[in-house]
């Protein structure tokens, strides 16, 4: 997931029911939890479709010019326009053979300057 600070603050304000004007520890925690909920729900839907998935708690990366490698995973980039701004979802999945070591998906949330 990727989003700028302004939409992140607006989203976390709605989720937590209080106004946030700074992207402080509590705001970062709220955005990470949003990523966790979305990814957890996606994992449930994958399981219902017969695909086992492993996820870990989200990692939040913040800064300008961030590049995250998906280790050559094919991915789909989905820009979502919301009432509070744009959120970009990067979806990278890889199916592994049944006898291969289990892969773990780490949801990464990135935010850039305002």
N, C-alpha and C. Protein backbone atom coordinates (compact mmCIF):
# COMPACT_ATOMS: atom_id res chain seq x y z
N UNK A 1 0.85 -1.17 0.00
CA UNK A 1 0.00 0.00 0.00
C UNK A 1 0.89 1.22 0.00
N UNK A 2 0.48 2.26 -0.67
CA UNK A 2 1.22 3.50 -0.66
C UNK A 2 0.27 4.68 -0.61
N UNK A 3 0.60 5.66 0.19
CA UNK A 3 -0.22 6.86 0.27
C UNK A 3 0.60 8.00 0.84
N UNK A 4 0.15 9.21 0.58
CA UNK A 4 0.85 10.37 1.13
C UNK A 4 0.30 10.69 2.52
N UNK A 5 0.95 11.60 3.19
CA UNK A 5 0.62 11.91 4.58
C UNK A 5 -0.81 12.43 4.75
N UNK A 6 -1.25 13.35 3.89
CA UNK A 6 -2.59 13.94 4.06
C UNK A 6 -3.70 12.88 4.04
N UNK A 7 -3.74 11.99 3.04
CA UNK A 7 -4.77 10.95 3.08
C UNK A 7 -4.59 9.99 4.26
N UNK A 8 -3.34 9.73 4.62
CA UNK A 8 -3.10 8.85 5.77
C UNK A 8 -3.70 9.45 7.04
N UNK A 9 -3.48 10.74 7.25
CA UNK A 9 -4.04 11.41 8.43
C UNK A 9 -5.57 11.41 8.39
N UNK A 10 -6.14 11.65 7.22
CA UNK A 10 -7.61 11.65 7.10
C UNK A 10 -8.18 10.26 7.37
N UNK A 11 -7.52 9.22 6.82
CA UNK A 11 -8.01 7.85 7.03
C UNK A 11 -7.92 7.45 8.50
N UNK A 12 -6.77 7.72 9.12
CA UNK A 12 -6.60 7.31 10.51
C UNK A 12 -7.52 8.13 11.42
N UNK A 13 -7.81 9.37 11.06
CA UNK A 13 -8.76 10.18 11.85
C UNK A 13 -10.14 9.54 11.84
N UNK A 14 -10.56 9.07 10.67
CA UNK A 14 -11.87 8.41 10.57
C UNK A 14 -11.89 7.08 11.31
N UNK A 15 -10.84 6.30 11.15
CA UNK A 15 -10.77 4.98 11.78
C UNK A 15 -10.80 5.10 13.30
N UNK A 16 -10.03 6.04 13.84
CA UNK A 16 -9.86 6.14 15.28
C UNK A 16 -10.82 7.13 15.94
N UNK A 17 -11.62 7.84 15.12
CA UNK A 17 -12.63 8.73 15.68
C UNK A 17 -12.08 9.97 16.37
N UNK A 18 -10.90 10.40 15.98
CA UNK A 18 -10.33 11.63 16.53
C UNK A 18 -9.47 12.28 15.45
N UNK A 19 -9.32 13.58 15.53
CA UNK A 19 -8.56 14.30 14.51
C UNK A 19 -7.06 14.12 14.72
N UNK A 20 -6.36 13.81 13.64
CA UNK A 20 -4.90 13.72 13.66
C UNK A 20 -4.35 14.80 12.74
N UNK A 21 -3.41 15.58 13.23
CA UNK A 21 -2.76 16.60 12.41
C UNK A 21 -1.29 16.29 12.19
N UNK A 22 -0.76 15.33 12.95
CA UNK A 22 0.63 14.89 12.81
C UNK A 22 0.65 13.39 12.59
N UNK A 23 1.62 12.93 11.80
CA UNK A 23 1.77 11.50 11.57
C UNK A 23 2.67 10.95 12.67
N UNK A 24 2.11 10.93 13.89
CA UNK A 24 2.85 10.50 15.08
C UNK A 24 2.74 8.98 15.25
N UNK A 25 3.26 8.47 16.36
CA UNK A 25 3.26 7.02 16.60
C UNK A 25 1.85 6.43 16.57
N UNK A 26 0.88 7.12 17.17
CA UNK A 26 -0.49 6.61 17.18
C UNK A 26 -1.09 6.58 15.78
N UNK A 27 -0.84 7.61 14.99
CA UNK A 27 -1.33 7.64 13.60
C UNK A 27 -0.68 6.53 12.78
N UNK A 28 0.63 6.35 12.95
CA UNK A 28 1.32 5.27 12.23
C UNK A 28 0.76 3.91 12.63
N UNK A 29 0.49 3.74 13.91
CA UNK A 29 -0.09 2.49 14.38
C UNK A 29 -1.47 2.24 13.76
N UNK A 30 -2.27 3.30 13.65
CA UNK A 30 -3.60 3.17 13.04
C UNK A 30 -3.52 2.79 11.58
N UNK A 31 -2.59 3.39 10.83
CA UNK A 31 -2.43 3.06 9.41
C UNK A 31 -1.91 1.63 9.26
N UNK A 32 -0.98 1.23 10.12
CA UNK A 32 -0.48 -0.15 10.07
C UNK A 32 -1.62 -1.13 10.34
N UNK A 33 -2.49 -0.80 11.28
CA UNK A 33 -3.63 -1.67 11.58
C UNK A 33 -4.59 -1.74 10.40
N UNK A 34 -4.79 -0.64 9.70
CA UNK A 34 -5.63 -0.65 8.50
C UNK A 34 -5.04 -1.63 7.47
N UNK A 35 -3.74 -1.56 7.26
CA UNK A 35 -3.08 -2.51 6.35
C UNK A 35 -3.24 -3.94 6.82
N UNK A 36 -3.16 -4.15 8.13
CA UNK A 36 -3.31 -5.48 8.70
C UNK A 36 -4.72 -6.02 8.45
N UNK A 37 -5.73 -5.18 8.64
CA UNK A 37 -7.12 -5.60 8.43
C UNK A 37 -7.36 -5.94 6.96
N UNK A 38 -6.91 -5.07 6.06
CA UNK A 38 -7.11 -5.31 4.63
C UNK A 38 -6.40 -6.59 4.20
N UNK A 39 -5.15 -6.76 4.62
CA UNK A 39 -4.38 -7.93 4.23
C UNK A 39 -4.96 -9.20 4.86
N UNK A 40 -5.41 -9.11 6.10
CA UNK A 40 -6.03 -10.27 6.74
C UNK A 40 -7.29 -10.70 6.02
N UNK A 41 -8.10 -9.73 5.61
CA UNK A 41 -9.33 -10.04 4.86
C UNK A 41 -8.99 -10.67 3.52
N UNK A 42 -7.97 -10.15 2.84
CA UNK A 42 -7.54 -10.73 1.57
C UNK A 42 -7.07 -12.17 1.77
N UNK A 43 -6.36 -12.43 2.86
CA UNK A 43 -5.89 -13.78 3.17
C UNK A 43 -7.06 -14.73 3.37
N UNK A 44 -8.11 -14.27 4.05
CA UNK A 44 -9.31 -15.09 4.25
C UNK A 44 -9.95 -15.41 2.91
N UNK A 45 -10.08 -14.42 2.04
CA UNK A 45 -10.68 -14.63 0.72
C UNK A 45 -9.84 -15.59 -0.11
N UNK A 46 -8.52 -15.49 -0.03
CA UNK A 46 -7.66 -16.44 -0.74
C UNK A 46 -7.87 -17.86 -0.22
N UNK A 47 -7.98 -18.01 1.10
CA UNK A 47 -8.22 -19.33 1.69
C UNK A 47 -9.55 -19.90 1.23
N UNK A 48 -10.58 -19.06 1.16
CA UNK A 48 -11.89 -19.51 0.69
C UNK A 48 -11.83 -19.97 -0.76
N UNK A 49 -10.89 -19.42 -1.53
CA UNK A 49 -10.72 -19.80 -2.93
C UNK A 49 -9.75 -20.97 -3.09
N UNK A 50 -9.25 -21.51 -1.96
CA UNK A 50 -8.37 -22.67 -2.00
C UNK A 50 -6.89 -22.36 -2.03
N UNK A 51 -6.51 -21.12 -1.74
CA UNK A 51 -5.10 -20.74 -1.74
C UNK A 51 -4.66 -20.40 -0.32
N UNK A 52 -3.75 -21.20 0.21
CA UNK A 52 -3.22 -20.92 1.55
C UNK A 52 -2.25 -19.74 1.45
N UNK A 53 -2.28 -18.88 2.43
CA UNK A 53 -1.34 -17.76 2.45
C UNK A 53 -0.83 -17.56 3.87
N UNK A 54 0.35 -17.02 3.95
CA UNK A 54 0.96 -16.69 5.24
C UNK A 54 1.26 -15.21 5.23
N UNK A 55 0.83 -14.51 6.27
CA UNK A 55 1.11 -13.08 6.36
C UNK A 55 1.76 -12.79 7.71
N UNK A 56 2.41 -11.66 7.79
CA UNK A 56 3.00 -11.21 9.04
C UNK A 56 2.42 -9.83 9.35
N UNK A 57 2.65 -9.33 10.55
CA UNK A 57 2.19 -7.96 10.83
C UNK A 57 2.81 -6.99 9.82
N UNK A 58 2.10 -5.91 9.52
CA UNK A 58 2.60 -4.97 8.51
C UNK A 58 3.86 -4.23 8.96
N UNK A 59 4.63 -3.83 7.97
CA UNK A 59 5.80 -2.99 8.18
C UNK A 59 5.50 -1.63 7.57
N UNK A 60 5.73 -0.58 8.31
CA UNK A 60 5.49 0.77 7.81
C UNK A 60 6.82 1.40 7.45
N UNK A 61 6.93 1.87 6.22
CA UNK A 61 8.14 2.52 5.73
C UNK A 61 7.75 3.93 5.33
N UNK A 62 8.49 4.92 5.82
CA UNK A 62 8.12 6.32 5.57
C UNK A 62 9.31 7.09 5.03
N UNK A 63 9.07 7.92 4.02
CA UNK A 63 10.11 8.78 3.47
C UNK A 63 9.89 9.05 2.00
N UNK A 64 10.59 10.03 1.45
CA UNK A 64 10.46 10.36 0.04
C UNK A 64 11.37 9.46 -0.80
N UNK A 65 10.90 9.10 -1.99
CA UNK A 65 11.72 8.33 -2.93
C UNK A 65 11.94 6.89 -2.54
N UNK A 66 11.05 6.32 -1.76
CA UNK A 66 11.21 4.94 -1.30
C UNK A 66 10.99 3.98 -2.46
N UNK A 67 11.83 2.96 -2.54
CA UNK A 67 11.64 1.89 -3.52
C UNK A 67 11.62 0.58 -2.75
N UNK A 68 10.58 -0.20 -2.99
CA UNK A 68 10.43 -1.49 -2.34
C UNK A 68 10.53 -2.57 -3.41
N UNK A 69 11.40 -3.53 -3.21
CA UNK A 69 11.55 -4.62 -4.18
C UNK A 69 10.54 -5.71 -3.87
N UNK A 70 9.90 -6.21 -4.92
CA UNK A 70 9.01 -7.37 -4.75
C UNK A 70 9.73 -8.63 -5.19
N UNK A 71 11.06 -8.57 -5.25
CA UNK A 71 11.89 -9.72 -5.56
C UNK A 71 11.44 -10.42 -6.83
N UNK A 72 11.19 -9.63 -7.85
CA UNK A 72 10.79 -10.14 -9.16
C UNK A 72 9.43 -10.82 -9.18
N UNK A 73 8.62 -10.59 -8.14
CA UNK A 73 7.25 -11.09 -8.17
C UNK A 73 6.50 -10.28 -9.21
N UNK A 74 5.70 -10.93 -10.06
CA UNK A 74 4.81 -10.13 -10.90
C UNK A 74 3.83 -9.40 -9.96
N UNK A 75 3.48 -8.19 -10.28
CA UNK A 75 2.56 -7.48 -9.41
C UNK A 75 1.58 -6.64 -10.21
N UNK A 76 0.50 -6.34 -9.55
CA UNK A 76 -0.53 -5.48 -10.11
C UNK A 76 -0.58 -4.24 -9.23
N UNK A 77 -0.60 -3.07 -9.84
CA UNK A 77 -0.68 -1.82 -9.09
C UNK A 77 -2.07 -1.23 -9.31
N UNK A 78 -2.79 -1.04 -8.21
CA UNK A 78 -4.17 -0.56 -8.28
C UNK A 78 -4.29 0.78 -7.55
N UNK A 79 -4.44 1.89 -8.29
CA UNK A 79 -4.67 3.17 -7.62
C UNK A 79 -6.14 3.29 -7.23
N UNK A 80 -6.38 3.61 -5.98
CA UNK A 80 -7.75 3.77 -5.48
C UNK A 80 -7.97 5.22 -5.10
N UNK A 81 -8.97 5.84 -5.68
CA UNK A 81 -9.31 7.22 -5.32
C UNK A 81 -10.42 7.18 -4.29
N UNK A 82 -10.18 7.79 -3.14
CA UNK A 82 -11.16 7.80 -2.06
C UNK A 82 -11.57 9.24 -1.78
N UNK A 83 -12.51 9.41 -0.89
CA UNK A 83 -12.95 10.75 -0.48
C UNK A 83 -11.82 11.57 0.12
N UNK A 84 -10.85 10.90 0.72
CA UNK A 84 -9.78 11.60 1.43
C UNK A 84 -8.45 11.63 0.67
N UNK A 85 -8.40 11.04 -0.50
CA UNK A 85 -7.16 11.04 -1.28
C UNK A 85 -6.91 9.69 -1.91
N UNK A 86 -5.76 9.58 -2.54
CA UNK A 86 -5.43 8.36 -3.27
C UNK A 86 -4.62 7.39 -2.42
N UNK A 87 -4.96 6.12 -2.55
CA UNK A 87 -4.25 5.01 -1.92
C UNK A 87 -3.86 4.08 -3.05
N UNK A 88 -2.62 3.66 -3.09
CA UNK A 88 -2.17 2.73 -4.13
C UNK A 88 -1.92 1.37 -3.50
N UNK A 89 -2.53 0.36 -4.07
CA UNK A 89 -2.35 -1.01 -3.59
C UNK A 89 -1.45 -1.74 -4.58
N UNK A 90 -0.38 -2.33 -4.08
CA UNK A 90 0.52 -3.14 -4.89
C UNK A 90 0.27 -4.60 -4.51
N UNK A 91 -0.16 -5.39 -5.47
CA UNK A 91 -0.48 -6.79 -5.19
C UNK A 91 0.57 -7.66 -5.86
N UNK A 92 1.31 -8.42 -5.06
CA UNK A 92 2.33 -9.33 -5.57
C UNK A 92 2.11 -10.69 -4.93
N UNK A 93 1.74 -11.66 -5.75
CA UNK A 93 1.49 -13.01 -5.25
C UNK A 93 2.33 -13.99 -6.05
N UNK A 94 2.75 -15.05 -5.41
CA UNK A 94 3.47 -16.11 -6.11
C UNK A 94 3.03 -17.44 -5.53
N UNK A 95 2.61 -18.33 -6.40
CA UNK A 95 2.21 -19.66 -5.95
C UNK A 95 3.45 -20.53 -5.92
N UNK A 96 3.62 -21.28 -4.84
CA UNK A 96 4.78 -22.15 -4.69
C UNK A 96 4.34 -23.60 -4.76
N UNK A 97 5.22 -24.48 -5.22
CA UNK A 97 4.88 -25.91 -5.23
C UNK A 97 4.60 -26.41 -3.82
N UNK A 98 3.79 -27.44 -3.71
CA UNK A 98 3.39 -27.97 -2.40
C UNK A 98 4.59 -28.40 -1.57
N UNK A 99 5.66 -28.86 -2.20
CA UNK A 99 6.82 -29.36 -1.45
C UNK A 99 7.86 -28.27 -1.17
N UNK A 100 7.59 -27.05 -1.59
CA UNK A 100 8.54 -25.95 -1.37
C UNK A 100 8.37 -25.38 0.03
N UNK A 101 9.41 -24.73 0.49
CA UNK A 101 9.33 -24.06 1.79
C UNK A 101 8.25 -23.00 1.74
N UNK A 102 7.59 -22.81 2.83
CA UNK A 102 6.50 -21.83 2.90
C UNK A 102 7.05 -20.42 2.74
N UNK A 103 6.34 -19.60 1.99
CA UNK A 103 6.71 -18.20 1.84
C UNK A 103 5.80 -17.36 2.71
N UNK A 104 6.34 -16.31 3.24
CA UNK A 104 5.57 -15.42 4.11
C UNK A 104 5.43 -14.08 3.41
N UNK A 105 4.21 -13.56 3.39
CA UNK A 105 3.93 -12.26 2.80
C UNK A 105 3.96 -11.21 3.90
N UNK A 106 4.74 -10.18 3.70
CA UNK A 106 4.82 -9.08 4.65
C UNK A 106 4.15 -7.86 4.05
N UNK A 107 2.99 -7.44 4.59
CA UNK A 107 2.38 -6.23 4.07
C UNK A 107 3.25 -5.03 4.41
N UNK A 108 3.56 -4.23 3.41
CA UNK A 108 4.39 -3.05 3.62
C UNK A 108 3.57 -1.83 3.25
N UNK A 109 3.48 -0.90 4.16
CA UNK A 109 2.77 0.35 3.92
C UNK A 109 3.80 1.44 3.78
N UNK A 110 3.74 2.18 2.71
CA UNK A 110 4.69 3.26 2.52
C UNK A 110 3.95 4.59 2.52
N UNK A 111 4.57 5.57 3.07
CA UNK A 111 4.02 6.92 2.99
C UNK A 111 5.13 7.86 2.59
N UNK A 112 4.76 8.86 1.83
CA UNK A 112 5.73 9.84 1.37
C UNK A 112 5.36 11.19 1.94
N UNK A 113 6.15 12.19 1.65
CA UNK A 113 5.86 13.53 2.15
C UNK A 113 4.47 14.00 1.75
N UNK A 114 4.05 15.11 2.26
CA UNK A 114 2.69 15.61 2.05
C UNK A 114 2.29 15.76 0.62
